[in-house]
Amino acid sequence: MTTALVSEIAAGADDLSVWPASTTPLPSGGLAVGGVSLADVAERFDTPAYVLDEGEVRARCRTYRDAFPDADVLYAAKAFLSRTMVRWVAEEGLGLDVCSAGELELAVTSGFPPDRIVLHGNAKSPRDIETALRLGVGRIVIDSPSEIARLAAAVGPRGRQKVLVRVVPGVSAGGHEKIRTGTDGQKFGLSLTDGTAQHAIARLLTQPQLHLVGLHCHIGSQITRVKPYVVALRRLVGLMARIRDTHGLVLPELDMGGGHGIAYRPGEHALDLTALARGLRTELAASCAAGSLPVPRLTVEPGRAVAGPAGVALYRVLAVKTTGDQVFVAVDGGMSDNPRPALYGVRYVPRLVGHHSTAGARTATVVGRHCEAGDILAADVELPGDIRPGDLLAVPVAGAYQLSMASGYNMVGRPPVVAVDGGRARLLVRRETLDDLRNRDVGE
C-alpha cells in the first residue's frame, strides 16, 4: 500500500462530517456522541444498539423551522417513531405525518395534537380510517378513487373530514428506482398526465362529508437537487388553477412532501435546505401570480433528514474471515435491523471505536449474521488490518429507516434505541427479547 493511500485512508477515518455535530474523538481511539462514549453505551446496553443524539434531532427540527418560517413542517414518522421522538418533535414545533393506525395511535397517546397530524397511505385499512376519524386527525390524503366513497361513508352524514389529494406530477427523482414516486406506473397517487387526478377531484367534490383543502405530492426519497421539487410545484399550482376555473374552488394548502437527501458517506451531496426553501417560495409566488391565484400555505415533510444523521448503529464483531482475496467482518446484527443495503444498495462507512489501532488499513466487507448471501452492511470499506472478534464497530447516519424497517428474521430480536444528550444515556426503546418472540406464538 502506498504512503499516499495510507494518508488518504487515515484522513477518511478522521472525517466526522456525516456524524452528529456533538461527536468528539476520545484519546482511546473511540468516539463520544452527546457527551457519551459509544464504547460505554455498548457495554451498558449491549449490541447491536442504536444511539440517537437528542441535540441533533432538535437542531435539525429547528433548522427546518428557520428555513420554512411561513410553512408547516411535518416530521415523517415512518423514518423513526417512538414516544420520546413524538415529544421532541412536538416541543420543536413540527407536525407529524403518519401512514398507519399504529403510528397514529402512538403519536396521539403520547400527547401529540391529532389536528397537527396528516394520514397517508396508498391502501388504508378500515382500521386506519376508523382510528383517524375517532382520534380527529387533521388531514387524510386521498390516494386512489376508491378511497373517496369509502372515506365518505366512514365519516357519515353528519361529519366532515379535511382531505388532500395526492397527485403524481410526472417528475422523476430519487436515489434509487424503488424510492421514486413522482412518475406514472407506480402504486402511489393520482396521475396528472392521464387526467386521473382531475376526475378524482371532481368526484370528491360531490361528497359533502369530505372537505378538499389542498393538493399533496411526494416525488421520491433521497433527492439531492432542488429542481425536481420546483418542477413538481409548478405543475401542481397549474392544477390548482384548473380546479379554480372548473369548480370555482380555490385551494388554500399545498403539501410538497419530503424525500430530502442526506449524505451517508463523507463527500456525498445532501439537499441544500436553504436553496430548497428559496426555490419553492420563488416558484410558488411566480406560479400563483401567473395563474392569478392566492399563495397557498406550503407544507414539507422531512423524515430522513431529521432522524437519519442523528443516529449511530453499534455492532460487535463476531468473526473475521479471509476467503481468497476478500476479507469478511461479521457482526452481531445485519439485515434484520438494517435491510436498506439489501433493498437499495445503500453504502455506509463503519468505524472501529473503543480502542486505537495502529495497524494499516485493509479493504473488508462488513456482513451480518443472517442466512442470506445478500446480508451485507457495508461492502469494500477500509478497516484496520488487525480488526478482530470482540471489536466494536459504529455506523453513522443510522437514525432513519433502520429500526422502523427491522424484522424478526432468524428470531434474533430487534435492537434497543438509546438517547444521548449532555453526557447522559437513557433507554428509549428496549431490546426485543426471546420472551417477546415466544409470547407472540400462541399455538399449542
Protein backbone atom coordinates (compact mmCIF):
# COMPACT_ATOMS: atom_id res chain seq x y z
CA MET A 1 0.00 0.00 0.00
CA THR A 2 1.42 3.39 -0.97
CA THR A 3 2.10 6.16 1.53
CA ALA A 4 -0.39 8.38 -0.29
CA LEU A 5 -3.14 5.75 0.02
CA VAL A 6 -2.42 5.25 3.70
CA SER A 7 -2.69 9.02 4.25
CA GLU A 8 -5.94 9.15 2.30
CA ILE A 9 -7.45 6.33 4.36
CA ALA A 10 -6.34 7.95 7.61
CA ALA A 11 -7.90 11.24 6.56
CA GLY A 12 -11.15 9.44 5.73
CA ALA A 13 -11.16 7.72 9.11
CA ASP A 14 -10.86 11.11 10.82
CA ASP A 15 -13.66 12.66 8.75
CA LEU A 16 -16.65 13.14 11.06
CA SER A 17 -18.67 15.22 8.60
CA VAL A 18 -21.57 12.73 8.45
CA TRP A 19 -21.63 12.10 12.21
CA PRO A 20 -23.81 14.03 14.69
CA ALA A 21 -22.39 17.51 15.37
CA SER A 22 -21.73 16.55 19.00
CA THR A 23 -19.33 13.73 18.00
CA THR A 24 -15.86 14.06 19.51
CA PRO A 25 -12.79 11.78 19.31
CA LEU A 26 -11.56 10.23 22.56
CA PRO A 27 -7.90 9.60 23.48
CA SER A 28 -8.57 5.85 23.49
CA GLY A 29 -9.43 5.91 19.79
CA GLY A 30 -13.14 5.84 20.48
CA LEU A 31 -15.85 8.41 19.92
CA ALA A 32 -18.33 10.19 22.13
CA VAL A 33 -21.75 11.34 20.90
CA GLY A 34 -23.82 13.69 23.01
CA GLY A 35 -21.04 13.58 25.58
CA VAL A 36 -21.34 9.80 25.98
CA SER A 37 -18.68 7.26 24.93
CA LEU A 38 -20.04 4.86 22.33
CA ALA A 39 -18.00 2.08 23.93
CA ASP A 40 -19.74 2.80 27.23
CA VAL A 41 -23.14 2.63 25.52
CA ALA A 42 -22.25 -0.77 24.06
CA GLU A 43 -21.02 -2.00 27.43
CA ARG A 44 -24.15 -0.83 29.25
CA PHE A 45 -26.84 -1.70 26.69
CA ASP A 46 -25.10 -4.48 24.73
CA THR A 47 -25.07 -4.71 20.92
CA PRO A 48 -26.44 -4.31 18.36
CA ALA A 49 -27.91 -1.00 19.52
CA TYR A 50 -28.98 2.32 18.08
CA VAL A 51 -27.77 5.58 19.58
CA LEU A 52 -29.87 8.68 18.91
CA ASP A 53 -28.46 12.15 19.59
CA GLU A 54 -31.29 14.24 21.06
CA GLY A 55 -29.48 17.52 20.41
CA GLU A 56 -29.00 16.63 16.73
CA VAL A 57 -32.69 15.77 16.29
CA ARG A 58 -33.79 19.01 17.91
CA ALA A 59 -31.28 21.10 15.96
CA ARG A 60 -32.48 19.63 12.66
CA CYS A 61 -36.10 20.34 13.58
CA ARG A 62 -35.15 23.96 14.31
CA THR A 63 -33.24 24.21 11.03
CA TYR A 64 -36.43 23.30 9.18
CA ARG A 65 -38.49 25.76 11.18
CA ASP A 66 -35.96 28.51 10.39
CA ALA A 67 -35.82 27.62 6.68
CA PHE A 68 -39.62 27.47 6.35
CA PRO A 69 -40.95 30.08 8.80
CA ASP A 70 -44.19 30.58 6.86
CA ALA A 71 -44.84 26.90 6.11
CA ASP A 72 -45.94 23.82 8.03
CA VAL A 73 -43.17 21.29 8.68
CA LEU A 74 -44.37 17.73 9.37
CA TYR A 75 -41.97 15.07 10.60
CA ALA A 76 -42.40 11.86 8.58
CA ALA A 77 -42.97 9.27 11.28
CA LYS A 78 -42.09 6.33 9.04
CA ALA A 79 -38.40 7.26 9.31
CA PHE A 80 -38.38 6.50 13.04
CA LEU A 81 -41.01 6.92 15.74
CA SER A 82 -41.08 6.46 19.49
CA ARG A 83 -42.88 8.18 22.33
CA THR A 84 -39.84 10.30 23.06
CA MET A 85 -39.40 11.20 19.39
CA VAL A 86 -43.03 12.35 19.37
CA ARG A 87 -42.29 14.63 22.32
CA TRP A 88 -39.15 16.09 20.75
CA VAL A 89 -40.97 16.85 17.50
CA ALA A 90 -43.91 18.45 19.33
CA GLU A 91 -41.64 20.59 21.50
CA GLU A 92 -39.76 21.81 18.43
CA GLY A 93 -43.00 22.95 16.76
CA LEU A 94 -43.32 20.36 13.98
CA GLY A 95 -46.40 18.44 12.91
CA LEU A 96 -46.47 14.74 12.00
CA ASP A 97 -47.33 12.66 9.00
CA VAL A 98 -48.20 9.03 9.66
CA CYS A 99 -49.01 6.02 7.50
CA SER A 100 -50.94 3.67 9.78
CA ALA A 101 -53.21 3.37 12.77
CA GLY A 102 -50.19 2.16 14.75
CA GLU A 103 -48.14 5.29 14.10
CA LEU A 104 -51.19 7.48 14.65
CA GLU A 105 -52.19 5.90 17.97
CA LEU A 106 -48.62 6.02 19.29
CA ALA A 107 -48.43 9.72 18.47
CA VAL A 108 -51.80 10.68 19.94
CA THR A 109 -51.45 8.55 23.08
CA SER A 110 -48.07 10.22 23.58
CA GLY A 111 -49.83 13.57 23.73
CA PHE A 112 -49.40 14.82 20.15
CA PRO A 113 -52.32 17.02 18.95
CA PRO A 114 -54.24 15.00 16.32
CA ASP A 115 -55.18 18.11 14.35
CA ARG A 116 -51.46 18.55 13.54
CA ILE A 117 -51.25 15.06 12.01
CA VAL A 118 -51.68 14.02 8.36
CA LEU A 119 -52.53 10.40 7.47
CA HIS A 120 -51.02 8.99 4.27
CA GLY A 121 -51.19 5.59 2.61
CA ASN A 122 -51.92 4.07 -0.78
CA ALA A 123 -54.03 1.30 0.81
CA LYS A 124 -55.57 2.47 4.07
CA SER A 125 -57.21 -0.32 6.02
CA PRO A 126 -60.63 0.06 7.66
CA ARG A 127 -58.77 0.23 10.98
CA ASP A 128 -56.56 3.05 9.69
CA ILE A 129 -59.58 5.11 8.64
CA GLU A 130 -61.62 4.32 11.76
CA THR A 131 -58.70 5.28 14.01
CA ALA A 132 -58.06 8.52 12.11
CA LEU A 133 -61.68 9.60 12.36
CA ARG A 134 -62.03 8.53 16.00
CA LEU A 135 -58.91 10.44 17.05
CA GLY A 136 -59.71 13.51 14.93
CA VAL A 137 -56.73 13.51 12.56
CA GLY A 138 -56.15 16.86 10.87
CA ARG A 139 -55.87 15.70 7.24
CA ILE A 140 -56.31 12.47 5.32
CA VAL A 141 -54.55 12.16 1.96
CA ILE A 142 -56.71 10.60 -0.76
CA ASP A 143 -54.51 8.25 -2.78
CA SER A 144 -56.96 6.44 -5.07
CA PRO A 145 -60.50 6.95 -6.45
CA SER A 146 -61.87 4.01 -4.45
CA GLU A 147 -60.99 5.76 -1.19
CA ILE A 148 -63.39 8.60 -1.84
CA ALA A 149 -66.70 6.78 -1.31
CA ARG A 150 -65.21 4.56 1.39
CA LEU A 151 -63.95 7.50 3.41
CA ALA A 152 -67.15 9.49 2.91
CA ALA A 153 -69.20 6.55 4.19
CA ALA A 154 -66.93 6.18 7.23
CA VAL A 155 -67.25 9.88 8.03
CA GLY A 156 -71.04 9.60 7.99
CA PRO A 157 -73.76 12.10 7.03
CA ARG A 158 -73.14 14.48 9.95
CA GLY A 159 -69.37 14.56 9.84
CA ARG A 160 -66.81 16.39 7.74
CA GLN A 161 -63.17 15.48 7.24
CA LYS A 162 -60.46 17.66 5.71
CA VAL A 163 -58.63 15.87 2.89
CA LEU A 164 -55.79 16.37 0.44
CA VAL A 165 -55.45 14.64 -2.93
CA ARG A 166 -52.10 13.04 -3.73
CA VAL A 167 -51.11 13.96 -7.27
CA VAL A 168 -48.40 12.28 -9.35
CA PRO A 169 -46.81 15.23 -11.19
CA GLY A 170 -44.70 13.26 -13.66
CA VAL A 171 -41.33 14.12 -12.13
CA SER A 172 -38.59 11.51 -11.80
CA ALA A 173 -36.38 11.98 -8.74
CA GLY A 174 -34.86 9.86 -6.00
CA GLY A 175 -31.76 7.94 -5.03
CA HIS A 176 -32.99 4.53 -6.27
CA GLU A 177 -35.72 3.28 -8.60
CA LYS A 178 -37.56 1.70 -5.66
CA ILE A 179 -38.00 5.08 -3.96
CA ARG A 180 -39.02 7.20 -6.96
CA THR A 181 -42.70 8.01 -6.58
CA GLY A 182 -43.26 11.09 -8.74
CA THR A 183 -43.88 9.33 -12.06
CA ASP A 184 -46.70 7.25 -13.52
CA GLY A 185 -46.51 3.48 -13.35
CA GLN A 186 -46.14 3.06 -9.58
CA LYS A 187 -48.62 2.46 -6.80
CA PHE A 188 -48.88 5.93 -5.27
CA GLY A 189 -51.17 8.82 -6.06
CA LEU A 190 -53.34 10.01 -8.93
CA SER A 191 -51.83 10.87 -12.30
CA LEU A 192 -51.82 14.42 -13.54
CA THR A 193 -50.89 13.44 -17.09
CA ASP A 194 -53.74 11.00 -17.80
CA GLY A 195 -56.43 13.02 -16.05
CA THR A 196 -56.98 10.59 -13.16
CA ALA A 197 -56.30 13.29 -10.59
CA GLN A 198 -58.77 15.71 -12.20
CA HIS A 199 -61.51 13.07 -12.38
CA ALA A 200 -60.97 12.05 -8.75
CA ILE A 201 -61.17 15.68 -7.61
CA ALA A 202 -64.48 16.18 -9.48
CA ARG A 203 -65.84 13.04 -7.83
CA LEU A 204 -64.59 14.07 -4.41
CA LEU A 205 -66.34 17.44 -4.65
CA THR A 206 -69.71 15.62 -4.85
CA GLN A 207 -69.15 14.24 -1.34
CA PRO A 208 -70.25 16.81 1.28
CA GLN A 209 -68.58 14.78 4.04
CA LEU A 210 -65.15 15.44 2.53
CA HIS A 211 -63.63 18.91 2.63
CA LEU A 212 -60.93 19.25 -0.02
CA VAL A 213 -58.38 21.74 1.30
CA GLY A 214 -55.37 21.14 -0.91
CA LEU A 215 -53.10 19.02 -3.04
CA HIS A 216 -50.28 16.74 -2.00
CA CYS A 217 -47.32 15.17 -3.78
CA HIS A 218 -44.26 13.18 -2.83
CA ILE A 219 -41.88 12.68 -5.74
CA GLY A 220 -39.37 10.30 -4.14
CA SER A 221 -36.74 9.88 -1.47
CA GLN A 222 -33.05 10.71 -1.04
CA ILE A 223 -33.36 13.61 -3.52
CA THR A 224 -30.38 15.96 -3.57
CA ARG A 225 -31.46 18.52 -6.22
CA VAL A 226 -33.92 21.40 -5.88
CA LYS A 227 -35.11 21.42 -9.49
CA PRO A 228 -37.44 18.36 -9.30
CA TYR A 229 -39.33 19.97 -6.42
CA VAL A 230 -39.68 23.24 -8.31
CA VAL A 231 -41.00 21.48 -11.42
CA ALA A 232 -43.48 19.46 -9.36
CA LEU A 233 -44.70 22.58 -7.55
CA ARG A 234 -45.23 24.42 -10.84
CA ARG A 235 -47.36 21.57 -12.18
CA LEU A 236 -49.44 21.32 -9.02
CA VAL A 237 -50.14 25.06 -9.00
CA GLY A 238 -51.24 24.70 -12.62
CA LEU A 239 -53.71 22.04 -11.48
CA MET A 240 -54.93 24.32 -8.69
CA ALA A 241 -55.68 26.98 -11.29
CA ARG A 242 -57.66 24.47 -13.36
CA ILE A 243 -59.62 23.41 -10.27
CA ARG A 244 -60.46 27.07 -9.65
CA ASP A 245 -61.55 27.58 -13.24
CA THR A 246 -63.57 24.34 -13.45
CA HIS A 247 -65.10 24.11 -9.99
CA GLY A 248 -64.81 27.62 -8.59
CA LEU A 249 -62.72 26.30 -5.69
CA VAL A 250 -59.52 27.98 -4.50
CA LEU A 251 -57.43 25.51 -2.52
CA PRO A 252 -55.59 27.01 0.46
CA GLU A 253 -52.95 24.28 1.01
CA LEU A 254 -50.11 22.68 -0.97
CA ASP A 255 -48.09 19.82 0.55
CA MET A 256 -44.83 19.10 -1.31
CA GLY A 257 -43.91 16.01 0.71
CA GLY A 258 -40.36 15.17 1.71
CA GLY A 259 -37.62 12.91 0.43
CA HIS A 260 -34.83 15.37 1.23
CA GLY A 261 -31.50 13.67 0.61
CA ILE A 262 -28.70 13.38 3.17
CA ALA A 263 -25.05 12.31 2.97
CA TYR A 264 -24.31 8.79 4.17
CA ARG A 265 -20.58 8.99 3.45
CA PRO A 266 -18.09 11.87 3.55
CA GLY A 267 -18.11 13.77 0.27
CA GLU A 268 -21.64 12.80 -0.75
CA HIS A 269 -24.12 15.51 -1.64
CA ALA A 270 -27.08 16.40 0.56
CA LEU A 271 -30.07 18.52 -0.39
CA ASP A 272 -29.36 22.22 0.28
CA LEU A 273 -32.27 23.13 2.55
CA THR A 274 -31.81 26.88 2.18
CA ALA A 275 -31.80 26.55 -1.60
CA LEU A 276 -34.89 24.33 -1.46
CA ALA A 277 -36.83 26.82 0.65
CA ARG A 278 -35.80 29.70 -1.60
CA GLY A 279 -36.65 27.76 -4.76
CA LEU A 280 -40.07 26.68 -3.54
CA ARG A 281 -41.00 30.15 -2.28
CA THR A 282 -39.89 31.82 -5.51
CA GLU A 283 -41.68 29.35 -7.77
CA LEU A 284 -44.82 29.37 -5.63
CA ALA A 285 -45.08 33.16 -5.83
CA ALA A 286 -44.39 33.20 -9.59
CA SER A 287 -46.75 30.36 -10.48
CA CYS A 288 -49.57 31.74 -8.36
CA ALA A 289 -49.12 35.19 -9.89
CA ALA A 290 -49.21 33.68 -13.39
CA GLY A 291 -52.43 31.83 -12.55
CA SER A 292 -53.99 34.70 -10.61
CA LEU A 293 -54.15 32.53 -7.50
CA PRO A 294 -53.61 33.48 -3.86
CA VAL A 295 -50.48 31.81 -2.48
CA PRO A 296 -51.47 28.62 -0.61
CA ARG A 297 -50.00 27.52 2.70
CA LEU A 298 -46.96 25.35 1.97
CA THR A 299 -46.16 22.10 3.78
CA VAL A 300 -42.99 19.98 3.71
CA GLU A 301 -42.47 16.55 5.27
CA PRO A 302 -38.86 15.72 6.24
CA GLY A 303 -38.19 12.39 7.93
CA ARG A 304 -34.79 11.00 6.99
CA ALA A 305 -33.26 14.50 7.05
CA VAL A 306 -34.28 14.92 10.70
CA ALA A 307 -33.61 11.47 12.15
CA GLY A 308 -31.00 9.93 9.84
CA PRO A 309 -27.87 11.91 10.71
CA ALA A 310 -28.78 11.82 14.42
CA GLY A 311 -28.40 8.04 14.69
CA VAL A 312 -25.43 5.72 15.12
CA ALA A 313 -25.62 1.91 14.97
CA LEU A 314 -23.31 -0.13 17.19
CA TYR A 315 -22.23 -3.69 16.37
CA ARG A 316 -19.83 -6.16 17.94
CA VAL A 317 -17.53 -8.10 15.61
CA LEU A 318 -18.18 -11.85 15.87
CA ALA A 319 -15.83 -13.23 13.22
CA VAL A 320 -13.18 -12.18 10.71
CA LYS A 321 -12.71 -14.45 7.71
CA THR A 322 -10.46 -14.29 4.67
CA THR A 323 -11.79 -16.04 1.57
CA GLY A 324 -9.44 -15.77 -1.40
CA ASP A 325 -8.62 -12.08 -1.60
CA GLN A 326 -11.74 -11.00 0.28
CA VAL A 327 -11.94 -10.16 3.98
CA PHE A 328 -15.34 -10.56 5.68
CA VAL A 329 -16.03 -8.94 9.04
CA ALA A 330 -19.18 -10.50 10.52
CA VAL A 331 -21.13 -8.60 13.18
CA ASP A 332 -23.96 -9.39 15.57
CA GLY A 333 -26.62 -7.55 13.55
CA GLY A 334 -27.46 -7.35 9.88
CA MET A 335 -30.41 -7.19 7.55
CA SER A 336 -32.93 -7.77 10.36
CA ASP A 337 -32.03 -4.39 11.86
CA ASN A 338 -30.96 -2.65 8.63
CA PRO A 339 -32.38 -4.03 5.37
CA ARG A 340 -31.51 -0.90 3.36
CA PRO A 341 -28.23 -2.13 1.80
CA ALA A 342 -30.03 -5.26 0.55
CA LEU A 343 -33.07 -3.27 -0.66
CA TYR A 344 -31.45 -0.18 -2.15
CA GLY A 345 -27.72 -0.83 -2.30
CA VAL A 346 -27.07 1.84 0.33
CA ARG A 347 -23.42 2.23 1.33
CA TYR A 348 -22.23 3.08 4.84
CA VAL A 349 -18.84 3.82 6.38
CA PRO A 350 -18.32 1.77 9.58
CA ARG A 351 -15.64 2.86 12.02
CA LEU A 352 -13.74 0.96 14.67
CA VAL A 353 -14.42 2.51 18.08
CA GLY A 354 -13.45 1.58 21.59
CA HIS A 355 -9.70 1.24 21.08
CA HIS A 356 -6.98 2.73 18.95
CA SER A 357 -5.39 0.63 16.21
CA THR A 358 -2.00 1.40 14.68
CA ALA A 359 -2.32 -1.28 12.01
CA GLY A 360 -2.54 -0.35 8.35
CA ALA A 361 -5.94 -0.36 6.71
CA ARG A 362 -7.30 -3.11 4.51
CA THR A 363 -10.40 -3.44 2.39
CA ALA A 364 -13.13 -5.51 4.01
CA THR A 365 -16.83 -6.21 3.67
CA VAL A 366 -18.95 -5.95 6.82
CA VAL A 367 -21.62 -8.64 6.79
CA GLY A 368 -24.46 -9.60 9.08
CA ARG A 369 -25.29 -12.81 10.90
CA HIS A 370 -28.31 -13.83 8.84
CA CYS A 371 -28.83 -16.73 6.45
CA GLU A 372 -28.68 -14.68 3.26
CA ALA A 373 -25.72 -14.04 0.95
CA GLY A 374 -27.10 -10.53 0.50
CA ASP A 375 -26.84 -9.77 4.21
CA ILE A 376 -24.17 -7.11 3.70
CA LEU A 377 -24.00 -3.93 5.78
CA ALA A 378 -21.01 -2.27 4.11
CA ALA A 379 -19.12 -3.55 1.09
CA ASP A 380 -15.47 -2.74 0.31
CA VAL A 381 -14.74 -0.38 3.19
CA GLU A 382 -11.39 0.40 4.79
CA LEU A 383 -10.92 -1.02 8.30
CA PRO A 384 -7.83 -1.58 10.44
CA GLY A 385 -5.88 -4.65 9.38
CA ASP A 386 -5.88 -6.08 12.89
CA ILE A 387 -9.67 -5.94 13.42
CA ARG A 388 -10.72 -8.96 15.45
CA PRO A 389 -13.72 -10.58 17.18
CA GLY A 390 -14.91 -8.51 20.12
CA ASP A 391 -14.12 -5.19 18.46
CA LEU A 392 -16.83 -2.54 18.31
CA LEU A 393 -17.96 -1.00 15.03
CA ALA A 394 -20.04 2.17 14.81
CA VAL A 395 -22.02 3.11 11.71
CA PRO A 396 -23.14 6.76 11.36
CA VAL A 397 -26.29 8.09 9.66
CA ALA A 398 -28.32 5.23 11.16
CA GLY A 399 -31.30 7.08 12.58
CA ALA A 400 -33.82 6.61 9.75
CA TYR A 401 -35.38 3.61 8.02
CA GLN A 402 -33.41 1.06 10.00
CA LEU A 403 -35.21 0.19 13.22
CA SER A 404 -38.50 1.26 11.62
CA MET A 405 -37.91 -1.37 8.88
CA ALA A 406 -36.48 -4.02 11.20
CA SER A 407 -37.81 -7.56 11.06
CA GLY A 408 -37.90 -10.71 13.14
CA TYR A 409 -35.75 -12.69 10.70
CA ASN A 410 -33.96 -15.62 12.38
CA MET A 411 -35.65 -14.53 15.64
CA VAL A 412 -32.64 -12.53 16.79
CA GLY A 413 -34.73 -9.70 18.28
CA ARG A 414 -34.73 -6.04 17.33
CA PRO A 415 -32.13 -3.73 18.91
CA PRO A 416 -32.78 -1.07 21.53
CA VAL A 417 -32.69 2.68 20.97
CA VAL A 418 -30.58 4.71 23.40
CA ALA A 419 -30.82 8.51 23.55
CA VAL A 420 -27.74 10.53 24.42
CA ASP A 421 -27.57 14.17 25.43
CA GLY A 422 -25.45 16.25 27.77
CA GLY A 423 -23.31 13.32 28.87
CA ARG A 424 -26.29 11.13 29.79
CA ALA A 425 -27.59 7.98 28.08
CA ARG A 426 -31.10 6.66 28.58
CA LEU A 427 -33.14 3.87 27.06
CA LEU A 428 -35.97 4.90 24.71
CA VAL A 429 -36.91 1.55 23.19
CA ARG A 430 -35.85 -1.67 24.93
CA ARG A 431 -34.32 -4.66 23.18
CA GLU A 432 -36.75 -7.26 21.87
CA THR A 433 -36.17 -10.42 23.88
CA LEU A 434 -36.64 -14.13 23.30
CA ASP A 435 -39.57 -13.96 25.72
CA ASP A 436 -41.20 -11.34 23.47
CA LEU A 437 -40.83 -13.64 20.48
CA ARG A 438 -42.10 -16.71 22.34
CA ASN A 439 -45.10 -14.92 23.83
CA ARG A 440 -46.42 -13.95 20.40
CA ASP A 441 -46.60 -17.64 19.42
CA VAL A 442 -49.86 -18.79 20.99
CA GLY A 443 -50.16 -22.13 19.20
CA GLU A 444 -50.02 -25.47 21.01
